[in-house]
Amino acid sequence: MELVREVYRVSRNFPKDEIFGLVSQIRRAAVSIPSNIAEGHQKLSRKEYQYFLGNARASVAEVETQILISRDLDYLGEIELNQILNLSAELGRVLNGLINSIRKKQ
């Protein structure tokens, strides 16, 4: 959820002509991370949970890519870039640990 808040915060400053482009895309990718975690947690099998965690991990990669694009377009400064990349890296590690834990239990 912290990553979602940060993505929304920094994307407010993107150019208005990006509202239906990069802003929309990056926000949807960010929101899909906790949404997939929550949806997967409610599934009845570990395999289904693992599937949704994998989707969340893919969305983390999507956010990271879009953040790098935003930096390349000069929409983000290095401080904002590093804040989001640090959050996404931490989240990726947590997701990897959770996925590995589920795999071991199967």
C-alpha atoms as a PDB file:
ATOM      1  CA  MET A   1       0.000   0.000   0.000  1.00  0.00           C
ATOM      2  CA  GLU A   2       2.920   2.335   0.680  1.00  0.00           C
ATOM      3  CA  LEU A   3       4.158   1.834  -2.881  1.00  0.00           C
ATOM      4  CA  VAL A   4       0.690   2.688  -4.225  1.00  0.00           C
ATOM      5  CA  ARG A   5       0.578   5.891  -2.179  1.00  0.00           C
ATOM      6  CA  GLU A   6       4.045   6.894  -3.384  1.00  0.00           C
ATOM      7  CA  VAL A   7       3.194   6.204  -7.038  1.00  0.00           C
ATOM      8  CA  TYR A   8       0.049   8.310  -6.744  1.00  0.00           C
ATOM      9  CA  ARG A   9       1.972  11.088  -4.997  1.00  0.00           C
ATOM     10  CA  VAL A  10       4.723  11.399  -7.592  1.00  0.00           C
ATOM     11  CA  SER A  11       2.476  10.881 -10.610  1.00  0.00           C
ATOM     12  CA  ARG A  12       0.395  13.932  -9.616  1.00  0.00           C
ATOM     13  CA  ASN A  13       3.261  16.028 -10.950  1.00  0.00           C
ATOM     14  CA  PHE A  14       3.418  14.359 -14.363  1.00  0.00           C
ATOM     15  CA  PRO A  15       2.328  16.429 -17.366  1.00  0.00           C
ATOM     16  CA  LYS A  16      -1.443  16.654 -17.817  1.00  0.00           C
ATOM     17  CA  ASP A  17      -1.201  15.080 -21.274  1.00  0.00           C
ATOM     18  CA  GLU A  18       0.009  11.866 -19.571  1.00  0.00           C
ATOM     19  CA  ILE A  19      -3.155  11.467 -17.459  1.00  0.00           C
ATOM     20  CA  PHE A  20      -4.564   8.820 -19.812  1.00  0.00           C
ATOM     21  CA  GLY A  21      -1.155   7.413 -20.699  1.00  0.00           C
ATOM     22  CA  LEU A  22       1.684   6.802 -18.310  1.00  0.00           C
ATOM     23  CA  VAL A  23      -0.129   8.082 -15.204  1.00  0.00           C
ATOM     24  CA  SER A  24      -3.037   5.719 -15.745  1.00  0.00           C
ATOM     25  CA  GLN A  25      -0.753   2.796 -16.580  1.00  0.00           C
ATOM     26  CA  ILE A  26       1.575   3.166 -13.619  1.00  0.00           C
ATOM     27  CA  ARG A  27      -1.267   3.687 -11.161  1.00  0.00           C
ATOM     28  CA  ARG A  28      -3.125   0.605 -12.399  1.00  0.00           C
ATOM     29  CA  ALA A  29       0.032  -1.488 -12.131  1.00  0.00           C
ATOM     30  CA  ALA A  30       0.677  -0.220  -8.593  1.00  0.00           C
ATOM     31  CA  VAL A  31      -2.896  -0.846  -7.444  1.00  0.00           C
ATOM     32  CA  SER A  32      -2.850  -4.346  -8.909  1.00  0.00           C
ATOM     33  CA  ILE A  33      -0.047  -5.380  -6.525  1.00  0.00           C
ATOM     34  CA  PRO A  34      -2.001  -5.281  -3.235  1.00  0.00           C
ATOM     35  CA  SER A  35      -5.167  -6.282  -5.091  1.00  0.00           C
ATOM     36  CA  ASN A  36      -3.568  -9.513  -6.333  1.00  0.00           C
ATOM     37  CA  ILE A  37      -2.124 -10.238  -2.895  1.00  0.00           C
ATOM     38  CA  ALA A  38      -5.534  -9.776  -1.282  1.00  0.00           C
ATOM     39  CA  GLU A  39      -7.357 -11.797  -3.918  1.00  0.00           C
ATOM     40  CA  GLY A  40      -4.840 -14.624  -3.732  1.00  0.00           C
ATOM     41  CA  HIS A  41      -5.001 -14.704   0.043  1.00  0.00           C
ATOM     42  CA  GLN A  42      -8.717 -15.477  -0.175  1.00  0.00           C
ATOM     43  CA  LYS A  43      -8.245 -18.457  -2.497  1.00  0.00           C
ATOM     44  CA  LEU A  44      -8.726 -21.941  -1.145  1.00  0.00           C
ATOM     45  CA  SER A  45      -5.523 -23.515  -2.398  1.00  0.00           C
ATOM     46  CA  ARG A  46      -1.877 -22.620  -1.989  1.00  0.00           C
ATOM     47  CA  LYS A  47      -1.380 -23.060  -5.727  1.00  0.00           C
ATOM     48  CA  GLU A  48      -3.970 -20.381  -6.468  1.00  0.00           C
ATOM     49  CA  TYR A  49      -2.424 -18.081  -3.848  1.00  0.00           C
ATOM     50  CA  GLN A  50       0.990 -18.593  -5.418  1.00  0.00           C
ATOM     51  CA  TYR A  51      -0.454 -17.733  -8.830  1.00  0.00           C
ATOM     52  CA  PHE A  52      -1.780 -14.379  -7.594  1.00  0.00           C
ATOM     53  CA  LEU A  53       1.467 -13.630  -5.780  1.00  0.00           C
ATOM     54  CA  GLY A  54       3.225 -14.223  -9.097  1.00  0.00           C
ATOM     55  CA  ASN A  55       0.884 -11.706 -10.715  1.00  0.00           C
ATOM     56  CA  ALA A  56       1.688  -9.217  -7.959  1.00  0.00           C
ATOM     57  CA  ARG A  57       5.410  -9.757  -8.520  1.00  0.00           C
ATOM     58  CA  ALA A  58       4.946  -9.138 -12.250  1.00  0.00           C
ATOM     59  CA  SER A  59       3.129  -5.884 -11.452  1.00  0.00           C
ATOM     60  CA  VAL A  60       6.086  -4.809  -9.296  1.00  0.00           C
ATOM     61  CA  ALA A  61       8.318  -5.250 -12.354  1.00  0.00           C
ATOM     62  CA  GLU A  62       5.814  -3.285 -14.420  1.00  0.00           C
ATOM     63  CA  VAL A  63       5.874  -0.387 -11.945  1.00  0.00           C
ATOM     64  CA  GLU A  64       9.674  -0.411 -11.894  1.00  0.00           C
ATOM     65  CA  THR A  65       9.803  -0.247 -15.688  1.00  0.00           C
ATOM     66  CA  GLN A  66       7.294   2.585 -15.855  1.00  0.00           C
ATOM     67  CA  ILE A  67       9.152   4.497 -13.154  1.00  0.00           C
ATOM     68  CA  LEU A  68      12.361   4.214 -15.177  1.00  0.00           C
ATOM     69  CA  ILE A  69      10.498   5.445 -18.257  1.00  0.00           C
ATOM     70  CA  SER A  70       9.169   8.368 -16.200  1.00  0.00           C
ATOM     71  CA  ARG A  71      12.692   9.257 -15.146  1.00  0.00           C
ATOM     72  CA  ASP A  72      13.935   9.033 -18.736  1.00  0.00           C
ATOM     73  CA  LEU A  73      11.179  11.454 -19.759  1.00  0.00           C
ATOM     74  CA  ASP A  74      12.248  13.827 -16.955  1.00  0.00           C
ATOM     75  CA  TYR A  75       8.977  13.420 -15.062  1.00  0.00           C
ATOM     76  CA  LEU A  76      10.795  12.210 -11.929  1.00  0.00           C
ATOM     77  CA  GLY A  77      13.891  13.277 -10.088  1.00  0.00           C
ATOM     78  CA  GLU A  78      16.491  10.878  -8.740  1.00  0.00           C
ATOM     79  CA  ILE A  79      15.212  11.125  -5.156  1.00  0.00           C
ATOM     80  CA  GLU A  80      11.657  10.155  -6.126  1.00  0.00           C
ATOM     81  CA  LEU A  81      12.985   7.462  -8.451  1.00  0.00           C
ATOM     82  CA  ASN A  82      15.116   5.942  -5.707  1.00  0.00           C
ATOM     83  CA  GLN A  83      12.281   6.062  -3.159  1.00  0.00           C
ATOM     84  CA  ILE A  84       9.976   4.101  -5.427  1.00  0.00           C
ATOM     85  CA  LEU A  85      12.653   1.678  -6.603  1.00  0.00           C
ATOM     86  CA  ASN A  86      13.644   0.974  -2.986  1.00  0.00           C
ATOM     87  CA  LEU A  87      10.021   0.329  -2.029  1.00  0.00           C
ATOM     88  CA  SER A  88       9.479  -1.918  -5.038  1.00  0.00           C
ATOM     89  CA  ALA A  89      12.703  -3.856  -4.371  1.00  0.00           C
ATOM     90  CA  GLU A  90      11.661  -4.463  -0.771  1.00  0.00           C
ATOM     91  CA  LEU A  91       8.209  -5.561  -1.885  1.00  0.00           C
ATOM     92  CA  GLY A  92       9.744  -7.872  -4.479  1.00  0.00           C
ATOM     93  CA  ARG A  93      11.876  -9.526  -1.782  1.00  0.00           C
ATOM     94  CA  VAL A  94       8.845 -10.014   0.458  1.00  0.00           C
ATOM     95  CA  LEU A  95       6.836 -11.517  -2.401  1.00  0.00           C
ATOM     96  CA  ASN A  96       9.712 -13.829  -3.361  1.00  0.00           C
ATOM     97  CA  GLY A  97       9.999 -15.004   0.236  1.00  0.00           C
ATOM     98  CA  LEU A  98       6.286 -15.656   0.462  1.00  0.00           C
ATOM     99  CA  ILE A  99       6.233 -17.525  -2.844  1.00  0.00           C
ATOM    100  CA  ASN A 100       9.203 -19.646  -1.769  1.00  0.00           C
ATOM    101  CA  SER A 101       7.530 -20.390   1.555  1.00  0.00           C
ATOM    102  CA  ILE A 102       4.370 -21.583  -0.200  1.00  0.00           C
ATOM    103  CA  ARG A 103       6.397 -23.743  -2.584  1.00  0.00           C
ATOM    104  CA  LYS A 104       8.146 -25.464   0.320  1.00  0.00           C
ATOM    105  CA  LYS A 105       4.810 -26.302   1.927  1.00  0.00           C
ATOM    106  CA  GLN A 106       3.492 -27.978  -1.216  1.00  0.00           C
END
